[in-house]
Amino acid sequence: CFALLRHPVDRAISLYHHYQTDESGNPNTAVYKGLSIDEYADQVAENNWMVRFLANKRSGSLTWHDLEVAKEVFGRKCLVGLVDKAEESLRRYERFFGWDKKVSDSESKDQCLTQYLANGDKRKDHPTYESTEAWEVLRKKNEYDCLLYEFAEKLFTQQDSIYEKII
């Protein structure tokens, strides 16, 4: 597998901003529309989504064992990429999976990637709320995911040295 990961609190805050502009009428997202970031942080139900998914534990309390299971899945089965290093991550996927060899028009492919990287990243379009109470509330609600993300950052670096030799 491959995974492109974003810091869990950044992802939650991005969802907050998406919910503020979502016009789909989806009742699951509409409940958050119009809330302040502090209200959203207090009310959002998401809690360690990634660890829960990888440990196959959708509800209940998480344990250190669940975090270790999630780390094991990443370590054994995933080529890790980071949103903060999107271009490097996408180039790594391209080399690993041979995508660079499957596209006949590499100039168009490179242009598409450059355009995506320039226009597809909306993170700078809204505040991060780092060092605020809302950030801390979201961090605590996603503590295991934050720890998994720290592990993934280290794994990203380790995989770089391993896969550079292979590909």
N, C-alpha and C. Protein backbone atom coordinates (compact mmCIF):
# COMPACT_ATOMS: atom_id res chain seq x y z
N CYS A 1 0.85 -1.19 0.00
CA CYS A 1 0.00 0.00 0.00
C CYS A 1 0.88 1.24 0.00
N PHE A 2 0.29 2.34 -0.29
CA PHE A 2 0.98 3.60 -0.09
C PHE A 2 0.00 4.54 0.59
N ALA A 3 0.54 5.44 1.40
CA ALA A 3 -0.30 6.37 2.16
C ALA A 3 0.36 7.74 2.14
N LEU A 4 -0.43 8.76 1.87
CA LEU A 4 0.02 10.14 1.91
C LEU A 4 -0.61 10.75 3.16
N LEU A 5 0.21 11.01 4.16
CA LEU A 5 -0.29 11.38 5.48
C LEU A 5 -0.14 12.87 5.76
N ARG A 6 -1.09 13.36 6.51
CA ARG A 6 -1.11 14.74 6.97
C ARG A 6 -1.19 14.72 8.48
N HIS A 7 -0.59 15.72 9.12
CA HIS A 7 -0.68 15.77 10.58
C HIS A 7 -2.16 15.73 10.97
N PRO A 8 -2.53 14.89 11.94
CA PRO A 8 -3.95 14.71 12.28
C PRO A 8 -4.68 16.00 12.69
N VAL A 9 -4.01 16.88 13.38
CA VAL A 9 -4.67 18.13 13.78
C VAL A 9 -4.84 19.04 12.56
N ASP A 10 -3.84 19.09 11.71
CA ASP A 10 -3.98 19.86 10.46
C ASP A 10 -5.15 19.34 9.64
N ARG A 11 -5.27 18.02 9.58
CA ARG A 11 -6.37 17.41 8.82
C ARG A 11 -7.72 17.78 9.43
N ALA A 12 -7.82 17.72 10.75
CA ALA A 12 -9.07 18.06 11.44
C ALA A 12 -9.43 19.53 11.20
N ILE A 13 -8.45 20.39 11.23
CA ILE A 13 -8.70 21.82 11.00
C ILE A 13 -9.10 22.07 9.55
N SER A 14 -8.49 21.35 8.64
CA SER A 14 -8.88 21.47 7.24
C SER A 14 -10.33 21.03 7.05
N LEU A 15 -10.71 19.96 7.73
CA LEU A 15 -12.12 19.53 7.67
C LEU A 15 -13.04 20.62 8.21
N TYR A 16 -12.64 21.26 9.29
CA TYR A 16 -13.43 22.36 9.85
C TYR A 16 -13.68 23.42 8.77
N HIS A 17 -12.62 23.81 8.07
CA HIS A 17 -12.77 24.84 7.03
C HIS A 17 -13.61 24.34 5.86
N HIS A 18 -13.48 23.07 5.53
CA HIS A 18 -14.32 22.50 4.47
C HIS A 18 -15.79 22.55 4.89
N TYR A 19 -16.07 22.19 6.11
CA TYR A 19 -17.45 22.19 6.59
C TYR A 19 -18.07 23.58 6.55
N GLN A 20 -17.26 24.61 6.75
CA GLN A 20 -17.77 25.97 6.76
C GLN A 20 -18.24 26.42 5.38
N THR A 21 -17.69 25.82 4.33
CA THR A 21 -18.06 26.22 2.98
C THR A 21 -18.83 25.14 2.22
N ASP A 22 -19.06 24.01 2.84
CA ASP A 22 -19.74 22.90 2.18
C ASP A 22 -21.20 23.25 1.90
N GLU A 23 -21.59 23.13 0.66
CA GLU A 23 -22.97 23.44 0.24
C GLU A 23 -23.72 22.17 -0.18
N SER A 24 -23.20 21.01 0.17
CA SER A 24 -23.80 19.75 -0.30
C SER A 24 -25.12 19.42 0.38
N GLY A 25 -25.36 20.01 1.55
CA GLY A 25 -26.57 19.67 2.30
C GLY A 25 -26.43 18.39 3.11
N ASN A 26 -25.27 17.81 3.13
CA ASN A 26 -25.01 16.58 3.89
C ASN A 26 -25.25 16.87 5.38
N PRO A 27 -26.20 16.17 5.99
CA PRO A 27 -26.49 16.43 7.41
C PRO A 27 -25.32 16.09 8.34
N ASN A 28 -24.43 15.19 7.90
CA ASN A 28 -23.27 14.84 8.73
C ASN A 28 -22.25 15.97 8.80
N THR A 29 -22.19 16.78 7.77
CA THR A 29 -21.25 17.90 7.79
C THR A 29 -21.94 19.21 8.16
N ALA A 30 -23.22 19.32 7.85
CA ALA A 30 -23.95 20.56 8.12
C ALA A 30 -23.99 20.89 9.60
N VAL A 31 -23.90 19.89 10.45
CA VAL A 31 -23.95 20.12 11.90
C VAL A 31 -22.78 20.99 12.38
N TYR A 32 -21.68 21.00 11.62
CA TYR A 32 -20.50 21.78 12.01
C TYR A 32 -20.45 23.16 11.39
N LYS A 33 -21.31 23.40 10.41
CA LYS A 33 -21.30 24.69 9.72
C LYS A 33 -21.70 25.81 10.67
N GLY A 34 -20.93 26.88 10.64
CA GLY A 34 -21.23 28.04 11.47
C GLY A 34 -20.63 27.99 12.87
N LEU A 35 -19.99 26.89 13.22
CA LEU A 35 -19.36 26.80 14.53
C LEU A 35 -18.03 27.55 14.53
N SER A 36 -17.65 28.04 15.69
CA SER A 36 -16.30 28.58 15.83
C SER A 36 -15.33 27.40 15.88
N ILE A 37 -14.06 27.67 15.69
CA ILE A 37 -13.08 26.60 15.75
C ILE A 37 -13.07 25.95 17.13
N ASP A 38 -13.28 26.71 18.18
CA ASP A 38 -13.32 26.15 19.54
C ASP A 38 -14.54 25.25 19.73
N GLU A 39 -15.69 25.68 19.22
CA GLU A 39 -16.89 24.84 19.31
C GLU A 39 -16.70 23.55 18.52
N TYR A 40 -16.13 23.68 17.33
CA TYR A 40 -15.86 22.50 16.50
C TYR A 40 -14.94 21.53 17.23
N ALA A 41 -13.85 22.04 17.79
CA ALA A 41 -12.89 21.18 18.49
C ALA A 41 -13.56 20.44 19.64
N ASP A 42 -14.44 21.12 20.33
CA ASP A 42 -15.15 20.47 21.46
C ASP A 42 -16.16 19.43 20.97
N GLN A 43 -16.81 19.70 19.83
CA GLN A 43 -17.92 18.86 19.40
C GLN A 43 -17.54 17.75 18.42
N VAL A 44 -16.43 17.92 17.71
CA VAL A 44 -16.09 16.95 16.68
C VAL A 44 -15.92 15.56 17.31
N ALA A 45 -16.50 14.60 16.65
CA ALA A 45 -16.51 13.24 17.20
C ALA A 45 -15.30 12.43 16.77
N GLU A 46 -14.60 12.87 15.73
CA GLU A 46 -13.46 12.11 15.24
C GLU A 46 -12.41 11.95 16.34
N ASN A 47 -11.92 10.74 16.45
CA ASN A 47 -11.01 10.42 17.54
C ASN A 47 -10.06 9.32 17.07
N ASN A 48 -8.82 9.72 16.75
CA ASN A 48 -7.78 8.75 16.37
C ASN A 48 -8.22 7.84 15.23
N TRP A 49 -8.76 8.44 14.19
CA TRP A 49 -9.31 7.68 13.07
C TRP A 49 -8.30 6.71 12.47
N MET A 50 -7.08 7.15 12.23
CA MET A 50 -6.10 6.31 11.54
C MET A 50 -5.70 5.10 12.38
N VAL A 51 -5.41 5.30 13.65
CA VAL A 51 -5.05 4.16 14.51
C VAL A 51 -6.23 3.20 14.60
N ARG A 52 -7.43 3.74 14.76
CA ARG A 52 -8.62 2.88 14.84
C ARG A 52 -8.77 2.04 13.56
N PHE A 53 -8.57 2.67 12.42
CA PHE A 53 -8.71 1.97 11.15
C PHE A 53 -7.66 0.87 11.02
N LEU A 54 -6.41 1.20 11.29
CA LEU A 54 -5.32 0.22 11.11
C LEU A 54 -5.36 -0.89 12.16
N ALA A 55 -5.84 -0.57 13.36
CA ALA A 55 -5.93 -1.59 14.42
C ALA A 55 -7.27 -2.31 14.40
N ASN A 56 -8.15 -1.92 13.47
CA ASN A 56 -9.48 -2.50 13.36
C ASN A 56 -10.25 -2.42 14.67
N LYS A 57 -10.24 -1.23 15.24
CA LYS A 57 -10.93 -0.99 16.51
C LYS A 57 -11.72 0.32 16.37
N ARG A 58 -12.91 0.21 15.82
CA ARG A 58 -13.72 1.39 15.48
C ARG A 58 -14.28 2.13 16.68
N SER A 59 -14.43 1.43 17.81
CA SER A 59 -15.00 2.09 18.99
C SER A 59 -14.28 1.61 20.24
N GLY A 60 -14.62 2.23 21.35
CA GLY A 60 -13.99 1.87 22.61
C GLY A 60 -12.68 2.62 22.82
N SER A 61 -12.08 2.37 23.95
CA SER A 61 -10.82 3.03 24.29
C SER A 61 -9.67 2.37 23.53
N LEU A 62 -8.72 3.20 23.14
CA LEU A 62 -7.51 2.68 22.51
C LEU A 62 -6.44 2.43 23.57
N THR A 63 -5.50 1.56 23.23
CA THR A 63 -4.39 1.24 24.13
C THR A 63 -3.08 1.42 23.36
N TRP A 64 -1.99 1.34 24.09
CA TRP A 64 -0.68 1.39 23.45
C TRP A 64 -0.53 0.24 22.47
N HIS A 65 -1.14 -0.89 22.79
CA HIS A 65 -1.08 -2.05 21.89
C HIS A 65 -1.70 -1.70 20.53
N ASP A 66 -2.81 -0.99 20.54
CA ASP A 66 -3.46 -0.59 19.29
C ASP A 66 -2.53 0.31 18.46
N LEU A 67 -1.83 1.21 19.13
CA LEU A 67 -0.87 2.07 18.44
C LEU A 67 0.25 1.23 17.83
N GLU A 68 0.73 0.25 18.58
CA GLU A 68 1.80 -0.62 18.07
C GLU A 68 1.34 -1.44 16.86
N VAL A 69 0.09 -1.87 16.88
CA VAL A 69 -0.47 -2.59 15.73
C VAL A 69 -0.47 -1.67 14.50
N ALA A 70 -0.91 -0.44 14.69
CA ALA A 70 -0.94 0.52 13.59
C ALA A 70 0.47 0.79 13.05
N LYS A 71 1.43 0.93 13.94
CA LYS A 71 2.82 1.13 13.52
C LYS A 71 3.32 -0.08 12.73
N GLU A 72 2.96 -1.25 13.18
CA GLU A 72 3.38 -2.48 12.50
C GLU A 72 2.83 -2.52 11.07
N VAL A 73 1.58 -2.14 10.91
CA VAL A 73 0.97 -2.12 9.57
C VAL A 73 1.74 -1.16 8.67
N PHE A 74 1.99 0.05 9.16
CA PHE A 74 2.75 1.01 8.37
C PHE A 74 4.14 0.48 8.05
N GLY A 75 4.82 -0.02 9.06
CA GLY A 75 6.19 -0.47 8.89
C GLY A 75 6.34 -1.62 7.91
N ARG A 76 5.37 -2.51 7.89
CA ARG A 76 5.48 -3.70 7.04
C ARG A 76 4.81 -3.55 5.68
N LYS A 77 3.77 -2.73 5.61
CA LYS A 77 2.93 -2.77 4.41
C LYS A 77 2.81 -1.48 3.62
N CYS A 78 3.30 -0.36 4.14
CA CYS A 78 3.04 0.91 3.47
C CYS A 78 4.30 1.65 3.06
N LEU A 79 4.26 2.18 1.88
CA LEU A 79 5.23 3.16 1.45
C LEU A 79 4.64 4.51 1.88
N VAL A 80 5.31 5.14 2.82
CA VAL A 80 4.76 6.32 3.48
C VAL A 80 5.16 7.59 2.72
N GLY A 81 4.19 8.46 2.54
CA GLY A 81 4.41 9.79 2.01
C GLY A 81 3.82 10.80 2.97
N LEU A 82 4.30 12.03 2.89
CA LEU A 82 3.83 13.09 3.78
C LEU A 82 3.32 14.27 2.96
N VAL A 83 2.18 14.80 3.34
CA VAL A 83 1.63 15.96 2.64
C VAL A 83 2.63 17.12 2.71
N ASP A 84 3.31 17.27 3.84
CA ASP A 84 4.30 18.34 3.97
C ASP A 84 5.48 18.16 3.02
N LYS A 85 5.64 16.97 2.49
CA LYS A 85 6.69 16.68 1.50
C LYS A 85 6.04 16.01 0.29
N ALA A 86 5.00 16.66 -0.20
CA ALA A 86 4.16 16.06 -1.24
C ALA A 86 4.93 15.75 -2.51
N GLU A 87 5.71 16.69 -2.99
CA GLU A 87 6.41 16.43 -4.25
C GLU A 87 7.39 15.27 -4.10
N GLU A 88 8.16 15.27 -3.05
CA GLU A 88 9.10 14.17 -2.81
C GLU A 88 8.35 12.85 -2.67
N SER A 89 7.22 12.88 -1.97
CA SER A 89 6.42 11.67 -1.77
C SER A 89 5.87 11.14 -3.09
N LEU A 90 5.31 12.03 -3.90
CA LEU A 90 4.73 11.61 -5.17
C LEU A 90 5.80 11.10 -6.13
N ARG A 91 6.96 11.72 -6.12
CA ARG A 91 8.07 11.23 -6.95
C ARG A 91 8.52 9.84 -6.48
N ARG A 92 8.52 9.64 -5.19
CA ARG A 92 8.90 8.32 -4.65
C ARG A 92 7.89 7.27 -5.11
N TYR A 93 6.59 7.55 -5.01
CA TYR A 93 5.57 6.61 -5.48
C TYR A 93 5.77 6.31 -6.96
N GLU A 94 6.01 7.37 -7.69
CA GLU A 94 6.18 7.25 -9.15
C GLU A 94 7.32 6.28 -9.47
N ARG A 95 8.46 6.43 -8.81
CA ARG A 95 9.59 5.54 -9.06
C ARG A 95 9.31 4.13 -8.56
N PHE A 96 8.77 4.01 -7.35
CA PHE A 96 8.55 2.70 -6.75
C PHE A 96 7.57 1.85 -7.57
N PHE A 97 6.46 2.47 -7.98
CA PHE A 97 5.43 1.74 -8.70
C PHE A 97 5.66 1.72 -10.22
N GLY A 98 6.70 2.40 -10.67
CA GLY A 98 7.01 2.41 -12.09
C GLY A 98 6.09 3.29 -12.91
N TRP A 99 5.39 4.21 -12.26
CA TRP A 99 4.47 5.07 -12.98
C TRP A 99 5.22 5.93 -13.99
N ASP A 100 6.45 6.29 -13.67
CA ASP A 100 7.23 7.13 -14.59
C ASP A 100 7.52 6.41 -15.91
N LYS A 101 7.50 5.09 -15.88
CA LYS A 101 7.76 4.31 -17.09
C LYS A 101 6.48 3.99 -17.86
N LYS A 102 5.33 4.19 -17.24
CA LYS A 102 4.06 3.82 -17.86
C LYS A 102 3.40 4.98 -18.60
N VAL A 103 3.94 6.17 -18.45
CA VAL A 103 3.37 7.34 -19.10
C VAL A 103 4.28 7.73 -20.25
N SER A 104 3.71 7.74 -21.45
CA SER A 104 4.53 7.99 -22.64
C SER A 104 4.93 9.47 -22.75
N ASP A 105 4.07 10.36 -22.29
CA ASP A 105 4.34 11.79 -22.40
C ASP A 105 4.78 12.32 -21.04
N SER A 106 6.06 12.17 -20.73
CA SER A 106 6.55 12.55 -19.40
C SER A 106 6.47 14.05 -19.17
N GLU A 107 6.54 14.84 -20.23
CA GLU A 107 6.44 16.29 -20.07
C GLU A 107 5.05 16.69 -19.58
N SER A 108 4.01 16.10 -20.16
CA SER A 108 2.63 16.37 -19.72
C SER A 108 2.41 15.89 -18.28
N LYS A 109 2.98 14.73 -17.97
CA LYS A 109 2.86 14.19 -16.62
C LYS A 109 3.50 15.13 -15.61
N ASP A 110 4.70 15.60 -15.93
CA ASP A 110 5.40 16.52 -15.03
C ASP A 110 4.65 17.83 -14.89
N GLN A 111 4.06 18.31 -15.98
CA GLN A 111 3.28 19.54 -15.95
C GLN A 111 2.04 19.36 -15.06
N CYS A 112 1.39 18.21 -15.19
CA CYS A 112 0.22 17.90 -14.37
C CYS A 112 0.59 17.88 -12.89
N LEU A 113 1.69 17.22 -12.57
CA LEU A 113 2.14 17.14 -11.18
C LEU A 113 2.49 18.52 -10.64
N THR A 114 3.18 19.32 -11.43
CA THR A 114 3.54 20.67 -11.01
C THR A 114 2.30 21.51 -10.76
N GLN A 115 1.32 21.39 -11.65
CA GLN A 115 0.07 22.15 -11.49
C GLN A 115 -0.68 21.70 -10.24
N TYR A 116 -0.73 20.39 -10.00
CA TYR A 116 -1.40 19.88 -8.80
C TYR A 116 -0.71 20.41 -7.54
N LEU A 117 0.59 20.35 -7.52
CA LEU A 117 1.33 20.80 -6.33
C LEU A 117 1.17 22.30 -6.11
N ALA A 118 1.04 23.06 -7.19
CA ALA A 118 0.90 24.51 -7.06
C ALA A 118 -0.53 24.92 -6.68
N ASN A 119 -1.52 24.20 -7.21
CA ASN A 119 -2.92 24.63 -7.04
C ASN A 119 -3.75 23.72 -6.16
N GLY A 120 -3.30 22.52 -5.91
CA GLY A 120 -4.11 21.55 -5.17
C GLY A 120 -3.98 21.66 -3.67
N ASP A 121 -3.01 22.40 -3.20
CA ASP A 121 -2.76 22.50 -1.76
C ASP A 121 -3.46 23.74 -1.21
N LYS A 122 -4.50 23.51 -0.45
CA LYS A 122 -5.29 24.62 0.10
C LYS A 122 -4.91 24.94 1.55
N ARG A 123 -3.84 24.32 2.05
CA ARG A 123 -3.48 24.50 3.46
C ARG A 123 -3.18 25.95 3.80
N LYS A 124 -2.66 26.70 2.86
CA LYS A 124 -2.29 28.08 3.15
C LYS A 124 -3.49 29.02 3.04
N ASP A 125 -4.64 28.49 2.65
CA ASP A 125 -5.83 29.31 2.48
C ASP A 125 -6.55 29.61 3.79
N HIS A 126 -6.13 28.98 4.88
CA HIS A 126 -6.79 29.22 6.17
C HIS A 126 -5.77 29.13 7.30
N PRO A 127 -6.12 29.72 8.46
CA PRO A 127 -5.18 29.68 9.59
C PRO A 127 -5.01 28.26 10.12
N THR A 128 -3.89 28.00 10.78
CA THR A 128 -3.61 26.67 11.33
C THR A 128 -4.13 26.53 12.76
N TYR A 129 -4.26 27.63 13.46
CA TYR A 129 -4.69 27.64 14.87
C TYR A 129 -3.68 26.98 15.79
N GLU A 130 -2.46 26.77 15.28
CA GLU A 130 -1.43 26.16 16.12
C GLU A 130 -1.20 27.02 17.36
N SER A 131 -0.98 26.36 18.48
CA SER A 131 -0.76 26.99 19.79
C SER A 131 -2.03 27.60 20.37
N THR A 132 -3.19 27.23 19.84
CA THR A 132 -4.45 27.71 20.42
C THR A 132 -5.08 26.60 21.24
N GLU A 133 -6.10 26.96 21.98
CA GLU A 133 -6.83 25.96 22.77
C GLU A 133 -7.48 24.91 21.85
N ALA A 134 -8.02 25.36 20.73
CA ALA A 134 -8.66 24.43 19.80
C ALA A 134 -7.64 23.40 19.29
N TRP A 135 -6.44 23.84 18.95
CA TRP A 135 -5.39 22.94 18.49
C TRP A 135 -5.12 21.88 19.56
N GLU A 136 -4.99 22.32 20.79
CA GLU A 136 -4.67 21.39 21.88
C GLU A 136 -5.81 20.40 22.12
N VAL A 137 -7.05 20.87 22.04
CA VAL A 137 -8.20 19.96 22.21
C VAL A 137 -8.19 18.89 21.12
N LEU A 138 -7.97 19.32 19.88
CA LEU A 138 -7.92 18.37 18.77
C LEU A 138 -6.74 17.42 18.89
N ARG A 139 -5.61 17.92 19.37
CA ARG A 139 -4.44 17.07 19.57
C ARG A 139 -4.72 15.99 20.60
N LYS A 140 -5.35 16.38 21.70
CA LYS A 140 -5.67 15.40 22.75
C LYS A 140 -6.66 14.36 22.25
N LYS A 141 -7.64 14.79 21.46
CA LYS A 141 -8.62 13.84 20.92
C LYS A 141 -7.99 12.87 19.92
N ASN A 142 -6.86 13.26 19.37
CA ASN A 142 -6.20 12.46 18.35
C ASN A 142 -4.76 12.12 18.75
N GLU A 143 -4.58 11.91 20.04
CA GLU A 143 -3.23 11.70 20.57
C GLU A 143 -2.53 10.50 19.94
N TYR A 144 -3.23 9.39 19.81
CA TYR A 144 -2.62 8.21 19.20
C TYR A 144 -2.30 8.45 17.73
N ASP A 145 -3.18 9.14 17.02
CA ASP A 145 -2.89 9.46 15.62
C ASP A 145 -1.67 10.38 15.51
N CYS A 146 -1.52 11.31 16.45
CA CYS A 146 -0.35 12.19 16.44
C CYS A 146 0.93 11.39 16.66
N LEU A 147 0.87 10.43 17.56
CA LEU A 147 2.03 9.57 17.79
C LEU A 147 2.33 8.70 16.56
N LEU A 148 1.29 8.22 15.93
CA LEU A 148 1.47 7.44 14.71
C LEU A 148 2.07 8.32 13.61
N TYR A 149 1.65 9.56 13.53
CA TYR A 149 2.21 10.48 12.54
C TYR A 149 3.70 10.71 12.79
N GLU A 150 4.08 10.87 14.05
CA GLU A 150 5.50 11.03 14.37
C GLU A 150 6.29 9.80 13.94
N PHE A 151 5.72 8.63 14.16
CA PHE A 151 6.34 7.39 13.70
C PHE A 151 6.46 7.39 12.18
N ALA A 152 5.41 7.83 11.49
CA ALA A 152 5.40 7.86 10.03
C ALA A 152 6.45 8.82 9.48
N GLU A 153 6.68 9.93 10.17
CA GLU A 153 7.73 10.86 9.73
C GLU A 153 9.10 10.18 9.78
N LYS A 154 9.36 9.43 10.84
CA LYS A 154 10.62 8.70 10.95
C LYS A 154 10.70 7.60 9.89
N LEU A 155 9.60 6.92 9.70
CA LEU A 155 9.55 5.84 8.70
C LEU A 155 9.79 6.40 7.30
N PHE A 156 9.26 7.58 7.03
CA PHE A 156 9.47 8.24 5.74
C PHE A 156 10.97 8.41 5.48
N THR A 157 11.69 8.87 6.48
CA THR A 157 13.13 9.07 6.35
C THR A 157 13.85 7.73 6.18
N GLN A 158 13.46 6.73 6.97
CA GLN A 158 14.08 5.41 6.85
C GLN A 158 13.83 4.80 5.48
N GLN A 159 12.60 4.92 5.00
CA GLN A 159 12.26 4.34 3.71
C GLN A 159 13.02 5.04 2.58
N ASP A 160 13.30 6.31 2.76
CA ASP A 160 14.05 7.03 1.76
C ASP A 160 15.40 6.36 1.51
N SER A 161 16.11 6.04 2.58
CA SER A 161 17.42 5.42 2.40
C SER A 161 17.30 3.99 1.88
N ILE A 162 16.24 3.30 2.23
CA ILE A 162 16.05 1.91 1.75
C ILE A 162 15.66 1.91 0.28
N TYR A 163 14.64 2.69 -0.08
CA TYR A 163 14.11 2.62 -1.43
C TYR A 163 14.98 3.34 -2.46
N GLU A 164 15.79 4.28 -2.04
CA GLU A 164 16.71 4.93 -2.98
C GLU A 164 17.71 3.92 -3.54
N LYS A 165 18.07 2.93 -2.73
CA LYS A 165 19.00 1.90 -3.19
C LYS A 165 18.32 0.93 -4.15
N ILE A 166 17.03 0.70 -3.94
CA ILE A 166 16.28 -0.28 -4.73
C ILE A 166 15.81 0.31 -6.05
N ILE A 167 15.32 1.53 -6.00
CA ILE A 167 14.69 2.09 -7.21
C ILE A 167 15.53 3.14 -7.90
